[in-house]
Amino acid sequence: MFRTELLEPDDRELTRASNRAYDALIATTRAAAAQGYTRVEPRVAAAAAWSLVHGLAALWLSGRLQRRTGDTDAGSLADAVTRAFVGGVLGDRP
């Protein structure tokens, strides 16, 4: 999705899929803010989550993350990273 040299940038299906994914992300961060789970502005929380996921995936696919951390299970690492993010950014309700 992010290697535009490998994709057709005017592909309507790709655009729709990208928009649906972002819409779900921003809706989630807006709901978290509305319910008092975070004081972080929804667009900032969405950008942080997106960056985290994108970076984790890119590092895993490059093999660099495994060499640095010794992790062998992408799912387990993604779960731990997600829990750390949710606890740190979204946190508990006040």
PDB file of N, CA and C in Angstrom:
ATOM      1  N   MET A   1       0.814  -1.195   0.000  1.00  0.00           N
ATOM      2  CA  MET A   1       0.000   0.000   0.000  1.00  0.00           C
ATOM      3  C   MET A   1       0.859   1.261   0.000  1.00  0.00           C
ATOM      4  N   PHE A   2       2.057   1.193   0.526  1.00  0.00           N
ATOM      5  CA  PHE A   2       2.876   2.397   0.643  1.00  0.00           C
ATOM      6  C   PHE A   2       4.015   2.456  -0.365  1.00  0.00           C
ATOM      7  N   ARG A   3       4.224   1.403  -1.129  1.00  0.00           N
ATOM      8  CA  ARG A   3       5.255   1.394  -2.156  1.00  0.00           C
ATOM      9  C   ARG A   3       4.599   1.751  -3.475  1.00  0.00           C
ATOM     10  N   THR A   4       4.384   3.045  -3.674  1.00  0.00           N
ATOM     11  CA  THR A   4       3.621   3.482  -4.841  1.00  0.00           C
ATOM     12  C   THR A   4       4.264   3.084  -6.161  1.00  0.00           C
ATOM     13  N   GLU A   5       5.561   2.833  -6.159  1.00  0.00           N
ATOM     14  CA  GLU A   5       6.189   2.401  -7.412  1.00  0.00           C
ATOM     15  C   GLU A   5       5.750   0.987  -7.787  1.00  0.00           C
ATOM     16  N   LEU A   6       5.173   0.256  -6.835  1.00  0.00           N
ATOM     17  CA  LEU A   6       4.684  -1.090  -7.113  1.00  0.00           C
ATOM     18  C   LEU A   6       3.171  -1.127  -7.349  1.00  0.00           C
ATOM     19  N   LEU A   7       2.522   0.005  -7.188  1.00  0.00           N
ATOM     20  CA  LEU A   7       1.068   0.066  -7.273  1.00  0.00           C
ATOM     21  C   LEU A   7       0.616   1.056  -8.328  1.00  0.00           C
ATOM     22  N   GLU A   8      -0.633   0.939  -8.677  1.00  0.00           N
ATOM     23  CA  GLU A   8      -1.254   1.901  -9.572  1.00  0.00           C
ATOM     24  C   GLU A   8      -1.874   2.985  -8.690  1.00  0.00           C
ATOM     25  N   PRO A   9      -1.284   4.179  -8.625  1.00  0.00           N
ATOM     26  CA  PRO A   9      -1.753   5.201  -7.680  1.00  0.00           C
ATOM     27  C   PRO A   9      -3.189   5.661  -7.914  1.00  0.00           C
ATOM     28  N   ASP A  10      -3.720   5.463  -9.111  1.00  0.00           N
ATOM     29  CA  ASP A  10      -5.092   5.882  -9.407  1.00  0.00           C
ATOM     30  C   ASP A  10      -6.095   4.736  -9.259  1.00  0.00           C
ATOM     31  N   ASP A  11      -5.674   3.633  -8.671  1.00  0.00           N
ATOM     32  CA  ASP A  11      -6.535   2.466  -8.490  1.00  0.00           C
ATOM     33  C   ASP A  11      -7.646   2.798  -7.496  1.00  0.00           C
ATOM     34  N   ARG A  12      -8.875   2.808  -7.958  1.00  0.00           N
ATOM     35  CA  ARG A  12     -10.015   3.183  -7.105  1.00  0.00           C
ATOM     36  C   ARG A  12     -10.223   2.194  -5.959  1.00  0.00           C
ATOM     37  N   GLU A  13     -10.006   0.918  -6.210  1.00  0.00           N
ATOM     38  CA  GLU A  13     -10.177  -0.083  -5.154  1.00  0.00           C
ATOM     39  C   GLU A  13      -9.146   0.132  -4.040  1.00  0.00           C
ATOM     40  N   LEU A  14      -7.924   0.429  -4.411  1.00  0.00           N
ATOM     41  CA  LEU A  14      -6.892   0.718  -3.425  1.00  0.00           C
ATOM     42  C   LEU A  14      -7.258   1.969  -2.621  1.00  0.00           C
ATOM     43  N   THR A  15      -7.738   2.998  -3.302  1.00  0.00           N
ATOM     44  CA  THR A  15      -8.141   4.231  -2.618  1.00  0.00           C
ATOM     45  C   THR A  15      -9.273   3.959  -1.641  1.00  0.00           C
ATOM     46  N   ARG A  16     -10.262   3.193  -2.064  1.00  0.00           N
ATOM     47  CA  ARG A  16     -11.380   2.860  -1.164  1.00  0.00           C
ATOM     48  C   ARG A  16     -10.896   2.059   0.041  1.00  0.00           C
ATOM     49  N   ALA A  17     -10.041   1.079  -0.177  1.00  0.00           N
ATOM     50  CA  ALA A  17      -9.526   0.264   0.927  1.00  0.00           C
ATOM     51  C   ALA A  17      -8.719   1.124   1.894  1.00  0.00           C
ATOM     52  N   SER A  18      -7.904   2.010   1.362  1.00  0.00           N
ATOM     53  CA  SER A  18      -7.110   2.901   2.204  1.00  0.00           C
ATOM     54  C   SER A  18      -8.016   3.813   3.027  1.00  0.00           C
ATOM     55  N   ASN A  19      -9.036   4.361   2.397  1.00  0.00           N
ATOM     56  CA  ASN A  19      -9.965   5.242   3.100  1.00  0.00           C
ATOM     57  C   ASN A  19     -10.743   4.499   4.184  1.00  0.00           C
ATOM     58  N   ARG A  20     -11.183   3.273   3.884  1.00  0.00           N
ATOM     59  CA  ARG A  20     -11.901   2.482   4.890  1.00  0.00           C
ATOM     60  C   ARG A  20     -11.015   2.196   6.097  1.00  0.00           C
ATOM     61  N   ALA A  21      -9.770   1.855   5.853  1.00  0.00           N
ATOM     62  CA  ALA A  21      -8.851   1.558   6.953  1.00  0.00           C
ATOM     63  C   ALA A  21      -8.623   2.797   7.818  1.00  0.00           C
ATOM     64  N   TYR A  22      -8.399   3.933   7.184  1.00  0.00           N
ATOM     65  CA  TYR A  22      -8.175   5.158   7.966  1.00  0.00           C
ATOM     66  C   TYR A  22      -9.447   5.591   8.685  1.00  0.00           C
ATOM     67  N   ASP A  23     -10.580   5.468   8.023  1.00  0.00           N
ATOM     68  CA  ASP A  23     -11.841   5.841   8.666  1.00  0.00           C
ATOM     69  C   ASP A  23     -12.085   5.015   9.925  1.00  0.00           C
ATOM     70  N   ALA A  24     -11.779   3.729   9.877  1.00  0.00           N
ATOM     71  CA  ALA A  24     -11.941   2.869  11.062  1.00  0.00           C
ATOM     72  C   ALA A  24     -10.992   3.298  12.168  1.00  0.00           C
ATOM     73  N   LEU A  25      -9.780   3.639  11.808  1.00  0.00           N
ATOM     74  CA  LEU A  25      -8.789   4.071  12.795  1.00  0.00           C
ATOM     75  C   LEU A  25      -9.212   5.376  13.466  1.00  0.00           C
ATOM     76  N   ILE A  26      -9.594   6.364  12.682  1.00  0.00           N
ATOM     77  CA  ILE A  26      -9.962   7.658  13.264  1.00  0.00           C
ATOM     78  C   ILE A  26     -11.254   7.537  14.068  1.00  0.00           C
ATOM     79  N   ALA A  27     -12.184   6.686  13.635  1.00  0.00           N
ATOM     80  CA  ALA A  27     -13.416   6.471  14.404  1.00  0.00           C
ATOM     81  C   ALA A  27     -13.095   5.866  15.769  1.00  0.00           C
ATOM     82  N   THR A  28     -12.143   4.962  15.811  1.00  0.00           N
ATOM     83  CA  THR A  28     -11.753   4.334  17.071  1.00  0.00           C
ATOM     84  C   THR A  28     -11.113   5.340  18.011  1.00  0.00           C
ATOM     85  N   THR A  29     -10.229   6.176  17.494  1.00  0.00           N
ATOM     86  CA  THR A  29      -9.573   7.151  18.371  1.00  0.00           C
ATOM     87  C   THR A  29     -10.550   8.243  18.805  1.00  0.00           C
ATOM     88  N   ARG A  30     -11.497   8.575  17.964  1.00  0.00           N
ATOM     89  CA  ARG A  30     -12.535   9.546  18.362  1.00  0.00           C
ATOM     90  C   ARG A  30     -13.418   8.964  19.457  1.00  0.00           C
ATOM     91  N   ALA A  31     -13.794   7.698  19.314  1.00  0.00           N
ATOM     92  CA  ALA A  31     -14.620   7.046  20.333  1.00  0.00           C
ATOM     93  C   ALA A  31     -13.872   6.955  21.661  1.00  0.00           C
ATOM     94  N   ALA A  32     -12.587   6.638  21.607  1.00  0.00           N
ATOM     95  CA  ALA A  32     -11.785   6.565  22.835  1.00  0.00           C
ATOM     96  C   ALA A  32     -11.746   7.917  23.529  1.00  0.00           C
ATOM     97  N   ALA A  33     -11.588   8.971  22.774  1.00  0.00           N
ATOM     98  CA  ALA A  33     -11.565  10.321  23.356  1.00  0.00           C
ATOM     99  C   ALA A  33     -12.933  10.694  23.917  1.00  0.00           C
ATOM    100  N   ALA A  34     -13.989  10.394  23.178  1.00  0.00           N
ATOM    101  CA  ALA A  34     -15.341  10.738  23.618  1.00  0.00           C
ATOM    102  C   ALA A  34     -15.734   9.996  24.897  1.00  0.00           C
ATOM    103  N   GLN A  35     -15.194   8.789  25.067  1.00  0.00           N
ATOM    104  CA  GLN A  35     -15.519   7.984  26.243  1.00  0.00           C
ATOM    105  C   GLN A  35     -14.567   8.233  27.407  1.00  0.00           C
ATOM    106  N   GLY A  36     -13.665   9.178  27.228  1.00  0.00           N
ATOM    107  CA  GLY A  36     -12.775   9.553  28.316  1.00  0.00           C
ATOM    108  C   GLY A  36     -11.563   8.670  28.507  1.00  0.00           C
ATOM    109  N   TYR A  37     -11.232   7.855  27.503  1.00  0.00           N
ATOM    110  CA  TYR A  37     -10.065   6.992  27.626  1.00  0.00           C
ATOM    111  C   TYR A  37      -8.757   7.723  27.390  1.00  0.00           C
ATOM    112  N   THR A  38      -8.810   8.859  26.739  1.00  0.00           N
ATOM    113  CA  THR A  38      -7.586   9.587  26.422  1.00  0.00           C
ATOM    114  C   THR A  38      -7.878  11.065  26.269  1.00  0.00           C
ATOM    115  N   ARG A  39      -6.880  11.859  26.517  1.00  0.00           N
ATOM    116  CA  ARG A  39      -6.973  13.298  26.242  1.00  0.00           C
ATOM    117  C   ARG A  39      -6.191  13.649  24.986  1.00  0.00           C
ATOM    118  N   VAL A  40      -5.586  12.645  24.380  1.00  0.00           N
ATOM    119  CA  VAL A  40      -4.836  12.849  23.143  1.00  0.00           C
ATOM    120  C   VAL A  40      -5.842  13.117  22.024  1.00  0.00           C
ATOM    121  N   GLU A  41      -5.559  14.154  21.244  1.00  0.00           N
ATOM    122  CA  GLU A  41      -6.430  14.505  20.125  1.00  0.00           C
ATOM    123  C   GLU A  41      -6.553  13.296  19.191  1.00  0.00           C
ATOM    124  N   PRO A  42      -7.765  12.955  18.752  1.00  0.00           N
ATOM    125  CA  PRO A  42      -7.957  11.765  17.930  1.00  0.00           C
ATOM    126  C   PRO A  42      -7.056  11.676  16.704  1.00  0.00           C
ATOM    127  N   ARG A  43      -6.834  12.784  15.998  1.00  0.00           N
ATOM    128  CA  ARG A  43      -5.977  12.704  14.803  1.00  0.00           C
ATOM    129  C   ARG A  43      -4.534  12.389  15.185  1.00  0.00           C
ATOM    130  N   VAL A  44      -4.095  12.857  16.354  1.00  0.00           N
ATOM    131  CA  VAL A  44      -2.726  12.573  16.823  1.00  0.00           C
ATOM    132  C   VAL A  44      -2.621  11.115  17.260  1.00  0.00           C
ATOM    133  N   ALA A  45      -3.623  10.630  17.998  1.00  0.00           N
ATOM    134  CA  ALA A  45      -3.626   9.229  18.410  1.00  0.00           C
ATOM    135  C   ALA A  45      -3.665   8.313  17.192  1.00  0.00           C
ATOM    136  N   ALA A  46      -4.459   8.680  16.184  1.00  0.00           N
ATOM    137  CA  ALA A  46      -4.531   7.886  14.959  1.00  0.00           C
ATOM    138  C   ALA A  46      -3.181   7.874  14.239  1.00  0.00           C
ATOM    139  N   ALA A  47      -2.533   9.035  14.148  1.00  0.00           N
ATOM    140  CA  ALA A  47      -1.223   9.108  13.490  1.00  0.00           C
ATOM    141  C   ALA A  47      -0.189   8.282  14.252  1.00  0.00           C
ATOM    142  N   ALA A  48      -0.253   8.332  15.578  1.00  0.00           N
ATOM    143  CA  ALA A  48       0.695   7.553  16.390  1.00  0.00           C
ATOM    144  C   ALA A  48       0.471   6.057  16.196  1.00  0.00           C
ATOM    145  N   ALA A  49      -0.781   5.629  16.209  1.00  0.00           N
ATOM    146  CA  ALA A  49      -1.082   4.207  16.027  1.00  0.00           C
ATOM    147  C   ALA A  49      -0.674   3.737  14.633  1.00  0.00           C
ATOM    148  N   TRP A  50      -0.992   4.518  13.629  1.00  0.00           N
ATOM    149  CA  TRP A  50      -0.658   4.172  12.248  1.00  0.00           C
ATOM    150  C   TRP A  50       0.858   4.073  12.084  1.00  0.00           C
ATOM    151  N   SER A  51       1.565   5.036  12.627  1.00  0.00           N
ATOM    152  CA  SER A  51       3.026   5.036  12.540  1.00  0.00           C
ATOM    153  C   SER A  51       3.621   3.826  13.239  1.00  0.00           C
ATOM    154  N   LEU A  52       3.067   3.502  14.392  1.00  0.00           N
ATOM    155  CA  LEU A  52       3.556   2.358  15.155  1.00  0.00           C
ATOM    156  C   LEU A  52       3.377   1.069  14.364  1.00  0.00           C
ATOM    157  N   VAL A  53       2.180   0.861  13.836  1.00  0.00           N
ATOM    158  CA  VAL A  53       1.894  -0.364  13.091  1.00  0.00           C
ATOM    159  C   VAL A  53       2.735  -0.438  11.817  1.00  0.00           C
ATOM    160  N   HIS A  54       2.803   0.661  11.101  1.00  0.00           N
ATOM    161  CA  HIS A  54       3.581   0.690   9.858  1.00  0.00           C
ATOM    162  C   HIS A  54       5.062   0.423  10.140  1.00  0.00           C
ATOM    163  N   GLY A  55       5.587   1.084  11.155  1.00  0.00           N
ATOM    164  CA  GLY A  55       6.991   0.889  11.506  1.00  0.00           C
ATOM    165  C   GLY A  55       7.281  -0.522  11.965  1.00  0.00           C
ATOM    166  N   LEU A  56       6.404  -1.072  12.790  1.00  0.00           N
ATOM    167  CA  LEU A  56       6.595  -2.441  13.268  1.00  0.00           C
ATOM    168  C   LEU A  56       6.593  -3.423  12.102  1.00  0.00           C
ATOM    169  N   ALA A  57       5.625  -3.258  11.205  1.00  0.00           N
ATOM    170  CA  ALA A  57       5.548  -4.153  10.043  1.00  0.00           C
ATOM    171  C   ALA A  57       6.778  -4.015   9.149  1.00  0.00           C
ATOM    172  N   ALA A  58       7.197  -2.794   8.886  1.00  0.00           N
ATOM    173  CA  ALA A  58       8.361  -2.577   8.014  1.00  0.00           C
ATOM    174  C   ALA A  58       9.622  -3.157   8.633  1.00  0.00           C
ATOM    175  N   LEU A  59       9.796  -2.949   9.919  1.00  0.00           N
ATOM    176  CA  LEU A  59      10.981  -3.490  10.597  1.00  0.00           C
ATOM    177  C   LEU A  59      10.953  -5.018  10.626  1.00  0.00           C
ATOM    178  N   TRP A  60       9.771  -5.591  10.854  1.00  0.00           N
ATOM    179  CA  TRP A  60       9.667  -7.046  10.878  1.00  0.00           C
ATOM    180  C   TRP A  60       9.980  -7.627   9.505  1.00  0.00           C
ATOM    181  N   LEU A  61       9.372  -7.044   8.471  1.00  0.00           N
ATOM    182  CA  LEU A  61       9.584  -7.559   7.117  1.00  0.00           C
ATOM    183  C   LEU A  61      11.036  -7.416   6.660  1.00  0.00           C
ATOM    184  N   SER A  62      11.726  -6.423   7.165  1.00  0.00           N
ATOM    185  CA  SER A  62      13.131  -6.242   6.793  1.00  0.00           C
ATOM    186  C   SER A  62      14.045  -7.223   7.519  1.00  0.00           C
ATOM    187  N   GLY A  63      13.541  -7.841   8.593  1.00  0.00           N
ATOM    188  CA  GLY A  63      14.349  -8.759   9.388  1.00  0.00           C
ATOM    189  C   GLY A  63      15.157  -8.072  10.473  1.00  0.00           C
ATOM    190  N   ARG A  64      15.153  -6.762  10.490  1.00  0.00           N
ATOM    191  CA  ARG A  64      15.954  -6.020  11.462  1.00  0.00           C
ATOM    192  C   ARG A  64      15.450  -6.175  12.888  1.00  0.00           C
ATOM    193  N   LEU A  65      14.142  -6.202  13.041  1.00  0.00           N
ATOM    194  CA  LEU A  65      13.568  -6.273  14.380  1.00  0.00           C
ATOM    195  C   LEU A  65      13.937  -7.594  15.057  1.00  0.00           C
ATOM    196  N   GLN A  66      13.830  -8.691  14.329  1.00  0.00           N
ATOM    197  CA  GLN A  66      14.178  -9.986  14.900  1.00  0.00           C
ATOM    198  C   GLN A  66      15.642 -10.037  15.326  1.00  0.00           C
ATOM    199  N   ARG A  67      16.508  -9.473  14.498  1.00  0.00           N
ATOM    200  CA  ARG A  67      17.943  -9.476  14.841  1.00  0.00           C
ATOM    201  C   ARG A  67      18.215  -8.654  16.097  1.00  0.00           C
ATOM    202  N   ARG A  68      17.509  -7.563  16.275  1.00  0.00           N
ATOM    203  CA  ARG A  68      17.739  -6.702  17.444  1.00  0.00           C
ATOM    204  C   ARG A  68      17.087  -7.233  18.713  1.00  0.00           C
ATOM    205  N   THR A  69      15.880  -7.789  18.584  1.00  0.00           N
ATOM    206  CA  THR A  69      15.127  -8.175  19.776  1.00  0.00           C
ATOM    207  C   THR A  69      15.167  -9.666  20.079  1.00  0.00           C
ATOM    208  N   GLY A  70      15.484 -10.468  19.077  1.00  0.00           N
ATOM    209  CA  GLY A  70      15.465 -11.918  19.260  1.00  0.00           C
ATOM    210  C   GLY A  70      14.066 -12.513  19.147  1.00  0.00           C
ATOM    211  N   ASP A  71      13.067 -11.685  18.877  1.00  0.00           N
ATOM    212  CA  ASP A  71      11.705 -12.195  18.735  1.00  0.00           C
ATOM    213  C   ASP A  71      11.591 -13.065  17.497  1.00  0.00           C
ATOM    214  N   THR A  72      10.757 -14.103  17.597  1.00  0.00           N
ATOM    215  CA  THR A  72      10.540 -14.997  16.460  1.00  0.00           C
ATOM    216  C   THR A  72       9.071 -15.087  16.064  1.00  0.00           C
ATOM    217  N   ASP A  73       8.191 -14.483  16.838  1.00  0.00           N
ATOM    218  CA  ASP A  73       6.758 -14.548  16.569  1.00  0.00           C
ATOM    219  C   ASP A  73       6.210 -13.133  16.395  1.00  0.00           C
ATOM    220  N   ALA A  74       5.901 -12.780  15.164  1.00  0.00           N
ATOM    221  CA  ALA A  74       5.412 -11.431  14.876  1.00  0.00           C
ATOM    222  C   ALA A  74       4.111 -11.135  15.611  1.00  0.00           C
ATOM    223  N   GLY A  75       3.225 -12.112  15.708  1.00  0.00           N
ATOM    224  CA  GLY A  75       1.944 -11.904  16.369  1.00  0.00           C
ATOM    225  C   GLY A  75       2.092 -11.583  17.840  1.00  0.00           C
ATOM    226  N   SER A  76       2.960 -12.310  18.519  1.00  0.00           N
ATOM    227  CA  SER A  76       3.181 -12.063  19.948  1.00  0.00           C
ATOM    228  C   SER A  76       3.805 -10.694  20.184  1.00  0.00           C
ATOM    229  N   LEU A  77       4.751 -10.340  19.343  1.00  0.00           N
ATOM    230  CA  LEU A  77       5.384  -9.035  19.486  1.00  0.00           C
ATOM    231  C   LEU A  77       4.376  -7.921  19.193  1.00  0.00           C
ATOM    232  N   ALA A  78       3.586  -8.085  18.145  1.00  0.00           N
ATOM    233  CA  ALA A  78       2.579  -7.076  17.807  1.00  0.00           C
ATOM    234  C   ALA A  78       1.574  -6.920  18.947  1.00  0.00           C
ATOM    235  N   ASP A  79       1.196  -8.027  19.580  1.00  0.00           N
ATOM    236  CA  ASP A  79       0.274  -7.965  20.713  1.00  0.00           C
ATOM    237  C   ASP A  79       0.888  -7.176  21.868  1.00  0.00           C
ATOM    238  N   ALA A  80       2.135  -7.454  22.186  1.00  0.00           N
ATOM    239  CA  ALA A  80       2.806  -6.756  23.292  1.00  0.00           C
ATOM    240  C   ALA A  80       2.964  -5.266  22.982  1.00  0.00           C
ATOM    241  N   VAL A  81       3.323  -4.941  21.761  1.00  0.00           N
ATOM    242  CA  VAL A  81       3.494  -3.550  21.367  1.00  0.00           C
ATOM    243  C   VAL A  81       2.139  -2.824  21.411  1.00  0.00           C
ATOM    244  N   THR A  82       1.102  -3.493  20.949  1.00  0.00           N
ATOM    245  CA  THR A  82      -0.241  -2.899  20.979  1.00  0.00           C
ATOM    246  C   THR A  82      -0.678  -2.623  22.405  1.00  0.00           C
ATOM    247  N   ARG A  83      -0.456  -3.574  23.290  1.00  0.00           N
ATOM    248  CA  ARG A  83      -0.824  -3.380  24.699  1.00  0.00           C
ATOM    249  C   ARG A  83      -0.054  -2.205  25.312  1.00  0.00           C
ATOM    250  N   ALA A  84       1.212  -2.078  24.974  1.00  0.00           N
ATOM    251  CA  ALA A  84       2.008  -0.966  25.489  1.00  0.00           C
ATOM    252  C   ALA A  84       1.468   0.360  24.967  1.00  0.00           C
ATOM    253  N   PHE A  85       1.128   0.400  23.682  1.00  0.00           N
ATOM    254  CA  PHE A  85       0.591   1.617  23.094  1.00  0.00           C
ATOM    255  C   PHE A  85      -0.748   1.985  23.720  1.00  0.00           C
ATOM    256  N   VAL A  86      -1.652   1.025  23.789  1.00  0.00           N
ATOM    257  CA  VAL A  86      -2.976   1.307  24.334  1.00  0.00           C
ATOM    258  C   VAL A  86      -2.866   1.754  25.788  1.00  0.00           C
ATOM    259  N   GLY A  87      -2.035   1.102  26.567  1.00  0.00           N
ATOM    260  CA  GLY A  87      -1.860   1.498  27.953  1.00  0.00           C
ATOM    261  C   GLY A  87      -1.232   2.875  28.100  1.00  0.00           C
ATOM    262  N   GLY A  88      -0.290   3.193  27.225  1.00  0.00           N
ATOM    263  CA  GLY A  88       0.406   4.473  27.331  1.00  0.00           C
ATOM    264  C   GLY A  88      -0.329   5.634  26.719  1.00  0.00           C
ATOM    265  N   VAL A  89      -0.973   5.424  25.593  1.00  0.00           N
ATOM    266  CA  VAL A  89      -1.637   6.521  24.903  1.00  0.00           C
ATOM    267  C   VAL A  89      -3.106   6.626  25.299  1.00  0.00           C
ATOM    268  N   LEU A  90      -3.795   5.484  25.304  1.00  0.00           N
ATOM    269  CA  LEU A  90      -5.201   5.532  25.645  1.00  0.00           C
ATOM    270  C   LEU A  90      -5.409   5.418  27.149  1.00  0.00           C
ATOM    271  N   GLY A  91      -4.693   4.528  27.787  1.00  0.00           N
ATOM    272  CA  GLY A  91      -4.733   4.421  29.233  1.00  0.00           C
ATOM    273  C   GLY A  91      -6.087   4.013  29.782  1.00  0.00           C
ATOM    274  N   ASP A  92      -6.214   4.140  31.074  1.00  0.00           N
ATOM    275  CA  ASP A  92      -7.459   3.813  31.748  1.00  0.00           C
ATOM    276  C   ASP A  92      -8.356   5.037  31.766  1.00  0.00           C
ATOM    277  N   ARG A  93      -9.637   4.783  31.878  1.00  0.00           N
ATOM    278  CA  ARG A  93     -10.578   5.904  32.003  1.00  0.00           C
ATOM    279  C   ARG A  93     -10.336   6.632  33.304  1.00  0.00           C
ATOM    280  N   PRO A  94     -10.484   7.942  33.266  1.00  0.00           N
ATOM    281  CA  PRO A  94     -10.292   8.716  34.502  1.00  0.00           C
ATOM    282  C   PRO A  94     -11.356   8.417  35.546  1.00  0.00           C
TER     283      PRO A  94
END
